[in-house]
């Protein structure tokens, strides 16, 4: 990651679509500059839009104050893309955008490693109780439609437990760091941006999914509303708008 910083005023408006949602101005930040095409750059430039967080049926969820913006990815029409799944979706979309199809693979909670190219070759999981095996059906083109069908299968058989085992240990908070509390269901978020204030404080922008399956979104800092979408993070208890992390791991995809 480059050590240069760029002066910007980013994420100045909150957009939670309720009358009680705050509208705040974030302090001017020096936002970390990353290499174009990198995982960190991808996370910094996620497609954001204003609007409500909606569940997989298209209905707005009750607690809208938890977000500032929504990440503009579809969530499907089944209760599949939840918290860990949202992070796997981000990673898969990045690798797909780089045409690194052979790197797209995730482990099921059972321990089985299932890749996108295996899906394209026609391999499909069959789960019977605690037993998982694969059968071969028709092959599929390595296109985005196939990626979405592949991910729906991954979502059904993976979660925070498998994701925590799959990710690499991380030592600090930075772009790409995953804060994960593995369990059933457990919870997680990923840092998608970081910035330094004129006072020298490092702030972080967080993205997550939630249960039931719903829009991926940028978390609103309800503890310090003057910061908008930016958060101060330190090791110890982490309290966000949607979850309190008392026992968690710092992980990363790379």
C-alpha atoms as a PDB file:
ATOM      1  CA  UNK A   1       0.000   0.000   0.000  1.00  0.00           C
ATOM      2  CA  UNK A   2       1.367   3.450  -0.860  1.00  0.00           C
ATOM      3  CA  UNK A   3       2.081   5.749   2.062  1.00  0.00           C
ATOM      4  CA  UNK A   4       0.890   8.846   0.257  1.00  0.00           C
ATOM      5  CA  UNK A   5      -2.223  10.651   1.445  1.00  0.00           C
ATOM      6  CA  UNK A   6      -4.702  12.748  -0.481  1.00  0.00           C
ATOM      7  CA  UNK A   7      -6.699  15.629   0.979  1.00  0.00           C
ATOM      8  CA  UNK A   8     -10.429  14.985   0.521  1.00  0.00           C
ATOM      9  CA  UNK A   9     -13.716  15.675   2.213  1.00  0.00           C
ATOM     10  CA  UNK A  10     -15.451  12.312   1.920  1.00  0.00           C
ATOM     11  CA  UNK A  11     -18.777  10.920   3.080  1.00  0.00           C
ATOM     12  CA  UNK A  12     -20.157  14.233   4.251  1.00  0.00           C
ATOM     13  CA  UNK A  13     -23.817  13.337   4.048  1.00  0.00           C
ATOM     14  CA  UNK A  14     -25.643  10.504   5.731  1.00  0.00           C
ATOM     15  CA  UNK A  15     -28.524   9.037   3.786  1.00  0.00           C
ATOM     16  CA  UNK A  16     -30.463   6.773   6.138  1.00  0.00           C
ATOM     17  CA  UNK A  17     -34.008   7.354   4.869  1.00  0.00           C
ATOM     18  CA  UNK A  18     -35.732   8.121   8.167  1.00  0.00           C
ATOM     19  CA  UNK A  19     -36.545  11.411   9.826  1.00  0.00           C
ATOM     20  CA  UNK A  20     -34.425  10.455  12.828  1.00  0.00           C
ATOM     21  CA  UNK A  21     -31.289   9.805  10.762  1.00  0.00           C
ATOM     22  CA  UNK A  22     -28.530  12.362  11.389  1.00  0.00           C
ATOM     23  CA  UNK A  23     -27.121  14.545   8.660  1.00  0.00           C
ATOM     24  CA  UNK A  24     -23.569  15.404   9.638  1.00  0.00           C
ATOM     25  CA  UNK A  25     -20.386  16.761   8.152  1.00  0.00           C
ATOM     26  CA  UNK A  26     -17.334  14.590   8.578  1.00  0.00           C
ATOM     27  CA  UNK A  27     -14.129  16.415   9.580  1.00  0.00           C
ATOM     28  CA  UNK A  28     -11.809  16.920   6.615  1.00  0.00           C
ATOM     29  CA  UNK A  29      -9.694  13.791   6.200  1.00  0.00           C
ATOM     30  CA  UNK A  30      -6.494  12.728   4.544  1.00  0.00           C
ATOM     31  CA  UNK A  31      -7.636   9.514   2.892  1.00  0.00           C
ATOM     32  CA  UNK A  32      -5.100   6.745   2.270  1.00  0.00           C
ATOM     33  CA  UNK A  33      -4.110   6.418  -1.380  1.00  0.00           C
ATOM     34  CA  UNK A  34      -3.908   2.847  -2.664  1.00  0.00           C
ATOM     35  CA  UNK A  35      -2.698   1.268  -5.883  1.00  0.00           C
ATOM     36  CA  UNK A  36      -5.302   1.129  -8.636  1.00  0.00           C
ATOM     37  CA  UNK A  37      -6.423  -2.440  -9.219  1.00  0.00           C
ATOM     38  CA  UNK A  38      -5.546  -3.569  -5.709  1.00  0.00           C
ATOM     39  CA  UNK A  39      -7.970  -5.129  -3.220  1.00  0.00           C
ATOM     40  CA  UNK A  40      -7.739  -2.001  -1.060  1.00  0.00           C
ATOM     41  CA  UNK A  41      -8.521   0.245  -4.048  1.00  0.00           C
ATOM     42  CA  UNK A  42     -11.523  -1.920  -4.903  1.00  0.00           C
ATOM     43  CA  UNK A  43     -12.864  -1.586  -1.346  1.00  0.00           C
ATOM     44  CA  UNK A  44     -12.357   2.178  -1.369  1.00  0.00           C
ATOM     45  CA  UNK A  45     -14.398   2.489  -4.562  1.00  0.00           C
ATOM     46  CA  UNK A  46     -17.390   0.275  -3.854  1.00  0.00           C
ATOM     47  CA  UNK A  47     -20.530   1.456  -5.680  1.00  0.00           C
ATOM     48  CA  UNK A  48     -22.542   3.363  -3.087  1.00  0.00           C
ATOM     49  CA  UNK A  49     -26.045   4.735  -3.446  1.00  0.00           C
ATOM     50  CA  UNK A  50     -28.589   6.470  -1.267  1.00  0.00           C
ATOM     51  CA  UNK A  51     -31.686   4.612  -0.186  1.00  0.00           C
ATOM     52  CA  UNK A  52     -33.054   2.212   2.380  1.00  0.00           C
ATOM     53  CA  UNK A  53     -31.566  -1.101   3.425  1.00  0.00           C
ATOM     54  CA  UNK A  54     -34.018  -3.711   2.133  1.00  0.00           C
ATOM     55  CA  UNK A  55     -34.299  -7.400   2.878  1.00  0.00           C
ATOM     56  CA  UNK A  56     -34.367 -10.203   0.311  1.00  0.00           C
ATOM     57  CA  UNK A  57     -38.108  -9.669  -0.204  1.00  0.00           C
ATOM     58  CA  UNK A  58     -37.537  -6.014  -1.124  1.00  0.00           C
ATOM     59  CA  UNK A  59     -39.001  -4.604   2.089  1.00  0.00           C
ATOM     60  CA  UNK A  60     -37.087  -1.973   4.100  1.00  0.00           C
ATOM     61  CA  UNK A  61     -35.647  -3.341   7.335  1.00  0.00           C
ATOM     62  CA  UNK A  62     -36.831  -1.703  10.539  1.00  0.00           C
ATOM     63  CA  UNK A  63     -33.599  -0.121  11.795  1.00  0.00           C
ATOM     64  CA  UNK A  64     -32.544   2.265   9.034  1.00  0.00           C
ATOM     65  CA  UNK A  65     -30.374   4.467  11.251  1.00  0.00           C
ATOM     66  CA  UNK A  66     -27.565   1.906  11.141  1.00  0.00           C
ATOM     67  CA  UNK A  67     -26.407   2.879   7.658  1.00  0.00           C
ATOM     68  CA  UNK A  68     -25.311   5.912   5.672  1.00  0.00           C
ATOM     69  CA  UNK A  69     -25.270   4.479   2.151  1.00  0.00           C
ATOM     70  CA  UNK A  70     -26.096   1.169   0.496  1.00  0.00           C
ATOM     71  CA  UNK A  71     -23.629  -0.827  -1.588  1.00  0.00           C
ATOM     72  CA  UNK A  72     -25.152  -1.202  -5.038  1.00  0.00           C
ATOM     73  CA  UNK A  73     -25.059  -5.006  -5.376  1.00  0.00           C
ATOM     74  CA  UNK A  74     -28.108  -7.203  -5.738  1.00  0.00           C
ATOM     75  CA  UNK A  75     -28.936  -9.497  -2.804  1.00  0.00           C
ATOM     76  CA  UNK A  76     -31.094 -12.057  -4.596  1.00  0.00           C
ATOM     77  CA  UNK A  77     -34.582 -13.111  -3.525  1.00  0.00           C
ATOM     78  CA  UNK A  78     -33.682 -15.734  -0.928  1.00  0.00           C
ATOM     79  CA  UNK A  79     -32.434 -15.452   2.647  1.00  0.00           C
ATOM     80  CA  UNK A  80     -28.837 -16.264   1.716  1.00  0.00           C
ATOM     81  CA  UNK A  81     -26.475 -13.270   1.518  1.00  0.00           C
ATOM     82  CA  UNK A  82     -25.999 -12.457   5.200  1.00  0.00           C
ATOM     83  CA  UNK A  83     -22.976 -11.091   7.092  1.00  0.00           C
ATOM     84  CA  UNK A  84     -20.120 -13.463   6.182  1.00  0.00           C
ATOM     85  CA  UNK A  85     -21.663 -13.974   2.745  1.00  0.00           C
ATOM     86  CA  UNK A  86     -21.512 -10.238   2.051  1.00  0.00           C
ATOM     87  CA  UNK A  87     -17.755 -10.235   2.600  1.00  0.00           C
ATOM     88  CA  UNK A  88     -17.320 -13.276   0.384  1.00  0.00           C
ATOM     89  CA  UNK A  89     -19.380 -11.466  -2.242  1.00  0.00           C
ATOM     90  CA  UNK A  90     -17.022  -8.502  -2.141  1.00  0.00           C
ATOM     91  CA  UNK A  91     -13.978 -10.711  -2.503  1.00  0.00           C
ATOM     92  CA  UNK A  92     -15.527 -12.695  -5.343  1.00  0.00           C
ATOM     93  CA  UNK A  93     -16.568  -9.524  -7.194  1.00  0.00           C
ATOM     94  CA  UNK A  94     -13.035  -8.163  -6.900  1.00  0.00           C
ATOM     95  CA  UNK A  95     -11.402 -11.323  -8.211  1.00  0.00           C
ATOM     96  CA  UNK A  96     -13.994 -11.591 -10.980  1.00  0.00           C
ATOM     97  CA  UNK A  97     -13.293  -7.976 -12.019  1.00  0.00           C
ATOM     98  CA  UNK A  98      -9.610  -8.931 -12.271  1.00  0.00           C
ATOM     99  CA  UNK A  99     -10.506 -12.091 -14.263  1.00  0.00           C
ATOM    100  CA  UNK A 100      -8.685 -14.131 -11.615  1.00  0.00           C
ATOM    101  CA  UNK A 101     -11.338 -16.836 -11.806  1.00  0.00           C
ATOM    102  CA  UNK A 102      -9.019 -19.532 -10.457  1.00  0.00           C
ATOM    103  CA  UNK A 103      -8.680 -17.615  -7.183  1.00  0.00           C
ATOM    104  CA  UNK A 104     -12.418 -17.580  -6.452  1.00  0.00           C
ATOM    105  CA  UNK A 105     -13.027 -20.345  -3.941  1.00  0.00           C
ATOM    106  CA  UNK A 106     -14.473 -20.634  -0.431  1.00  0.00           C
ATOM    107  CA  UNK A 107     -14.736 -23.320   2.202  1.00  0.00           C
ATOM    108  CA  UNK A 108     -18.014 -24.694   3.458  1.00  0.00           C
ATOM    109  CA  UNK A 109     -18.536 -25.082   7.201  1.00  0.00           C
ATOM    110  CA  UNK A 110     -18.001 -28.805   6.539  1.00  0.00           C
ATOM    111  CA  UNK A 111     -14.460 -27.985   5.408  1.00  0.00           C
ATOM    112  CA  UNK A 112     -14.979 -28.681   1.704  1.00  0.00           C
ATOM    113  CA  UNK A 113     -13.282 -26.204  -0.617  1.00  0.00           C
ATOM    114  CA  UNK A 114     -15.564 -25.207  -3.500  1.00  0.00           C
ATOM    115  CA  UNK A 115     -14.279 -23.095  -6.373  1.00  0.00           C
ATOM    116  CA  UNK A 116     -15.974 -21.013  -9.032  1.00  0.00           C
ATOM    117  CA  UNK A 117     -14.234 -22.965 -11.772  1.00  0.00           C
ATOM    118  CA  UNK A 118     -15.484 -26.236 -10.249  1.00  0.00           C
ATOM    119  CA  UNK A 119     -18.994 -24.788 -10.486  1.00  0.00           C
ATOM    120  CA  UNK A 120     -18.368 -23.826 -14.115  1.00  0.00           C
ATOM    121  CA  UNK A 121     -17.218 -27.387 -14.818  1.00  0.00           C
ATOM    122  CA  UNK A 122     -20.597 -28.588 -13.542  1.00  0.00           C
ATOM    123  CA  UNK A 123     -19.681 -29.755 -10.035  1.00  0.00           C
ATOM    124  CA  UNK A 124     -22.534 -29.243  -7.558  1.00  0.00           C
ATOM    125  CA  UNK A 125     -22.598 -29.973  -3.813  1.00  0.00           C
ATOM    126  CA  UNK A 126     -25.120 -32.421  -2.415  1.00  0.00           C
ATOM    127  CA  UNK A 127     -25.526 -32.229   1.347  1.00  0.00           C
ATOM    128  CA  UNK A 128     -27.213 -34.955   3.363  1.00  0.00           C
ATOM    129  CA  UNK A 129     -27.035 -34.244   7.077  1.00  0.00           C
ATOM    130  CA  UNK A 130     -23.341 -33.933   7.932  1.00  0.00           C
ATOM    131  CA  UNK A 131     -22.248 -35.567   4.684  1.00  0.00           C
ATOM    132  CA  UNK A 132     -21.284 -33.570   1.593  1.00  0.00           C
ATOM    133  CA  UNK A 133     -20.402 -34.933  -1.816  1.00  0.00           C
ATOM    134  CA  UNK A 134     -20.306 -33.519  -5.325  1.00  0.00           C
ATOM    135  CA  UNK A 135     -22.073 -34.565  -8.488  1.00  0.00           C
ATOM    136  CA  UNK A 136     -21.361 -33.437 -12.030  1.00  0.00           C
ATOM    137  CA  UNK A 137     -24.084 -31.743 -14.080  1.00  0.00           C
ATOM    138  CA  UNK A 138     -23.962 -29.442 -17.083  1.00  0.00           C
ATOM    139  CA  UNK A 139     -21.083 -26.989 -17.417  1.00  0.00           C
ATOM    140  CA  UNK A 140     -21.589 -23.215 -17.253  1.00  0.00           C
ATOM    141  CA  UNK A 141     -19.797 -20.273 -18.831  1.00  0.00           C
ATOM    142  CA  UNK A 142     -17.498 -18.288 -16.533  1.00  0.00           C
ATOM    143  CA  UNK A 143     -19.691 -15.193 -16.586  1.00  0.00           C
ATOM    144  CA  UNK A 144     -21.222 -13.026 -13.880  1.00  0.00           C
ATOM    145  CA  UNK A 145     -24.538 -14.858 -13.966  1.00  0.00           C
ATOM    146  CA  UNK A 146     -22.688 -18.074 -13.162  1.00  0.00           C
ATOM    147  CA  UNK A 147     -20.781 -16.289 -10.399  1.00  0.00           C
ATOM    148  CA  UNK A 148     -24.036 -15.279  -8.708  1.00  0.00           C
ATOM    149  CA  UNK A 149     -25.417 -18.826  -8.903  1.00  0.00           C
ATOM    150  CA  UNK A 150     -22.129 -20.171  -7.543  1.00  0.00           C
ATOM    151  CA  UNK A 151     -22.181 -17.697  -4.652  1.00  0.00           C
ATOM    152  CA  UNK A 152     -25.727 -18.651  -3.694  1.00  0.00           C
ATOM    153  CA  UNK A 153     -24.479 -22.211  -3.211  1.00  0.00           C
ATOM    154  CA  UNK A 154     -21.546 -20.960  -1.125  1.00  0.00           C
ATOM    155  CA  UNK A 155     -23.846 -18.830   1.025  1.00  0.00           C
ATOM    156  CA  UNK A 156     -25.994 -21.855   1.809  1.00  0.00           C
ATOM    157  CA  UNK A 157     -23.088 -23.889   3.210  1.00  0.00           C
ATOM    158  CA  UNK A 158     -20.608 -21.312   4.558  1.00  0.00           C
ATOM    159  CA  UNK A 159     -20.718 -18.753   7.361  1.00  0.00           C
ATOM    160  CA  UNK A 160     -18.644 -16.915   9.945  1.00  0.00           C
ATOM    161  CA  UNK A 161     -17.176 -20.172  11.286  1.00  0.00           C
ATOM    162  CA  UNK A 162     -15.788 -21.245   7.916  1.00  0.00           C
ATOM    163  CA  UNK A 163     -14.777 -17.734   6.875  1.00  0.00           C
ATOM    164  CA  UNK A 164     -12.793 -17.149  10.069  1.00  0.00           C
ATOM    165  CA  UNK A 165     -10.835 -20.360   9.434  1.00  0.00           C
ATOM    166  CA  UNK A 166     -10.218 -19.426   5.806  1.00  0.00           C
ATOM    167  CA  UNK A 167      -8.954 -15.890   6.324  1.00  0.00           C
ATOM    168  CA  UNK A 168      -5.392 -14.987   7.249  1.00  0.00           C
ATOM    169  CA  UNK A 169      -4.524 -13.406  10.622  1.00  0.00           C
ATOM    170  CA  UNK A 170      -4.234  -9.610  10.638  1.00  0.00           C
ATOM    171  CA  UNK A 171      -2.320  -7.570  13.202  1.00  0.00           C
ATOM    172  CA  UNK A 172      -3.946  -4.178  12.862  1.00  0.00           C
ATOM    173  CA  UNK A 173      -6.876  -2.182  11.615  1.00  0.00           C
ATOM    174  CA  UNK A 174      -6.438  -1.073   8.012  1.00  0.00           C
ATOM    175  CA  UNK A 175      -8.254  -1.276   4.678  1.00  0.00           C
ATOM    176  CA  UNK A 176      -9.223  -4.906   4.136  1.00  0.00           C
ATOM    177  CA  UNK A 177      -9.126  -5.913   7.806  1.00  0.00           C
ATOM    178  CA  UNK A 178     -12.071  -8.133   8.760  1.00  0.00           C
ATOM    179  CA  UNK A 179     -13.372  -7.976  12.315  1.00  0.00           C
ATOM    180  CA  UNK A 180     -15.090 -11.331  12.821  1.00  0.00           C
ATOM    181  CA  UNK A 181     -16.776 -13.042  15.719  1.00  0.00           C
ATOM    182  CA  UNK A 182     -17.239 -16.619  14.475  1.00  0.00           C
ATOM    183  CA  UNK A 183     -20.287 -18.483  15.697  1.00  0.00           C
ATOM    184  CA  UNK A 184     -23.794 -19.490  14.859  1.00  0.00           C
ATOM    185  CA  UNK A 185     -24.496 -17.017  13.436  1.00  0.00           C
ATOM    186  CA  UNK A 186     -21.688 -14.730  14.699  1.00  0.00           C
ATOM    187  CA  UNK A 187     -21.023 -11.472  12.879  1.00  0.00           C
ATOM    188  CA  UNK A 188     -18.361  -9.578  10.935  1.00  0.00           C
ATOM    189  CA  UNK A 189     -17.566  -6.392   9.055  1.00  0.00           C
ATOM    190  CA  UNK A 190     -14.748  -5.253   6.775  1.00  0.00           C
ATOM    191  CA  UNK A 191     -12.839  -1.970   6.750  1.00  0.00           C
ATOM    192  CA  UNK A 192     -13.252  -0.441   3.306  1.00  0.00           C
ATOM    193  CA  UNK A 193     -11.421   2.847   3.834  1.00  0.00           C
ATOM    194  CA  UNK A 194      -9.245   4.754   6.283  1.00  0.00           C
ATOM    195  CA  UNK A 195      -8.365   8.389   6.761  1.00  0.00           C
ATOM    196  CA  UNK A 196      -6.399  10.623   9.102  1.00  0.00           C
ATOM    197  CA  UNK A 197      -7.962  13.759  10.556  1.00  0.00           C
ATOM    198  CA  UNK A 198      -6.057  17.051  10.876  1.00  0.00           C
ATOM    199  CA  UNK A 199      -5.699  16.166  14.577  1.00  0.00           C
ATOM    200  CA  UNK A 200      -3.908  12.942  13.658  1.00  0.00           C
ATOM    201  CA  UNK A 201      -6.686  10.475  14.511  1.00  0.00           C
ATOM    202  CA  UNK A 202      -7.114   7.500  12.184  1.00  0.00           C
ATOM    203  CA  UNK A 203     -10.724   6.838  11.205  1.00  0.00           C
ATOM    204  CA  UNK A 204     -12.208   3.845   9.426  1.00  0.00           C
ATOM    205  CA  UNK A 205     -15.171   3.242   7.156  1.00  0.00           C
ATOM    206  CA  UNK A 206     -16.973  -0.066   7.698  1.00  0.00           C
ATOM    207  CA  UNK A 207     -19.134  -2.242   5.436  1.00  0.00           C
ATOM    208  CA  UNK A 208     -21.282  -5.203   6.452  1.00  0.00           C
ATOM    209  CA  UNK A 209     -24.230  -7.414   5.605  1.00  0.00           C
ATOM    210  CA  UNK A 210     -26.752  -8.649   8.124  1.00  0.00           C
ATOM    211  CA  UNK A 211     -29.402 -11.215   8.985  1.00  0.00           C
ATOM    212  CA  UNK A 212     -31.891 -11.792   7.434  1.00  0.00           C
ATOM    213  CA  UNK A 213     -30.297 -11.323   4.015  1.00  0.00           C
ATOM    214  CA  UNK A 214     -30.411  -7.636   3.176  1.00  0.00           C
ATOM    215  CA  UNK A 215     -28.599  -4.868   1.342  1.00  0.00           C
ATOM    216  CA  UNK A 216     -24.910  -4.530   2.042  1.00  0.00           C
ATOM    217  CA  UNK A 217     -24.301  -1.100   3.579  1.00  0.00           C
ATOM    218  CA  UNK A 218     -21.837   1.395   5.026  1.00  0.00           C
ATOM    219  CA  UNK A 219     -22.227   1.579   8.796  1.00  0.00           C
ATOM    220  CA  UNK A 220     -23.306   4.836  10.395  1.00  0.00           C
ATOM    221  CA  UNK A 221     -21.410   5.881  13.525  1.00  0.00           C
ATOM    222  CA  UNK A 222     -24.320   6.174  15.936  1.00  0.00           C
ATOM    223  CA  UNK A 223     -21.944   6.435  18.910  1.00  0.00           C
ATOM    224  CA  UNK A 224     -20.285   9.554  17.503  1.00  0.00           C
ATOM    225  CA  UNK A 225     -22.782  10.920  14.965  1.00  0.00           C
ATOM    226  CA  UNK A 226     -20.563  13.900  14.167  1.00  0.00           C
ATOM    227  CA  UNK A 227     -18.239  11.464  12.376  1.00  0.00           C
ATOM    228  CA  UNK A 228     -20.905  10.231   9.953  1.00  0.00           C
ATOM    229  CA  UNK A 229     -19.656   7.033   8.324  1.00  0.00           C
ATOM    230  CA  UNK A 230     -16.221   7.148   9.981  1.00  0.00           C
ATOM    231  CA  UNK A 231     -15.293   5.196  13.113  1.00  0.00           C
ATOM    232  CA  UNK A 232     -12.468   5.187  15.614  1.00  0.00           C
ATOM    233  CA  UNK A 233     -11.346   1.615  16.261  1.00  0.00           C
ATOM    234  CA  UNK A 234      -9.109   0.174  18.933  1.00  0.00           C
ATOM    235  CA  UNK A 235      -8.578  -3.315  20.268  1.00  0.00           C
ATOM    236  CA  UNK A 236     -11.031  -4.206  22.999  1.00  0.00           C
ATOM    237  CA  UNK A 237     -14.813  -4.052  22.819  1.00  0.00           C
ATOM    238  CA  UNK A 238     -16.043  -2.679  19.476  1.00  0.00           C
ATOM    239  CA  UNK A 239     -19.581  -1.372  19.439  1.00  0.00           C
ATOM    240  CA  UNK A 240     -21.191  -0.530  16.105  1.00  0.00           C
ATOM    241  CA  UNK A 241     -24.730   0.446  15.191  1.00  0.00           C
ATOM    242  CA  UNK A 242     -25.696  -3.198  14.736  1.00  0.00           C
ATOM    243  CA  UNK A 243     -23.465  -5.342  16.964  1.00  0.00           C
ATOM    244  CA  UNK A 244     -21.178  -5.366  19.985  1.00  0.00           C
ATOM    245  CA  UNK A 245     -17.950  -7.312  19.405  1.00  0.00           C
ATOM    246  CA  UNK A 246     -16.579  -8.502  22.749  1.00  0.00           C
ATOM    247  CA  UNK A 247     -14.666 -11.532  21.459  1.00  0.00           C
ATOM    248  CA  UNK A 248     -13.422 -11.358  17.897  1.00  0.00           C
ATOM    249  CA  UNK A 249     -10.526 -11.978  15.549  1.00  0.00           C
ATOM    250  CA  UNK A 250      -8.723  -9.657  13.154  1.00  0.00           C
ATOM    251  CA  UNK A 251      -8.466 -11.335   9.766  1.00  0.00           C
ATOM    252  CA  UNK A 252      -7.829 -10.476   6.115  1.00  0.00           C
ATOM    253  CA  UNK A 253      -8.276 -12.033   2.679  1.00  0.00           C
ATOM    254  CA  UNK A 254      -4.704 -11.115   1.749  1.00  0.00           C
END
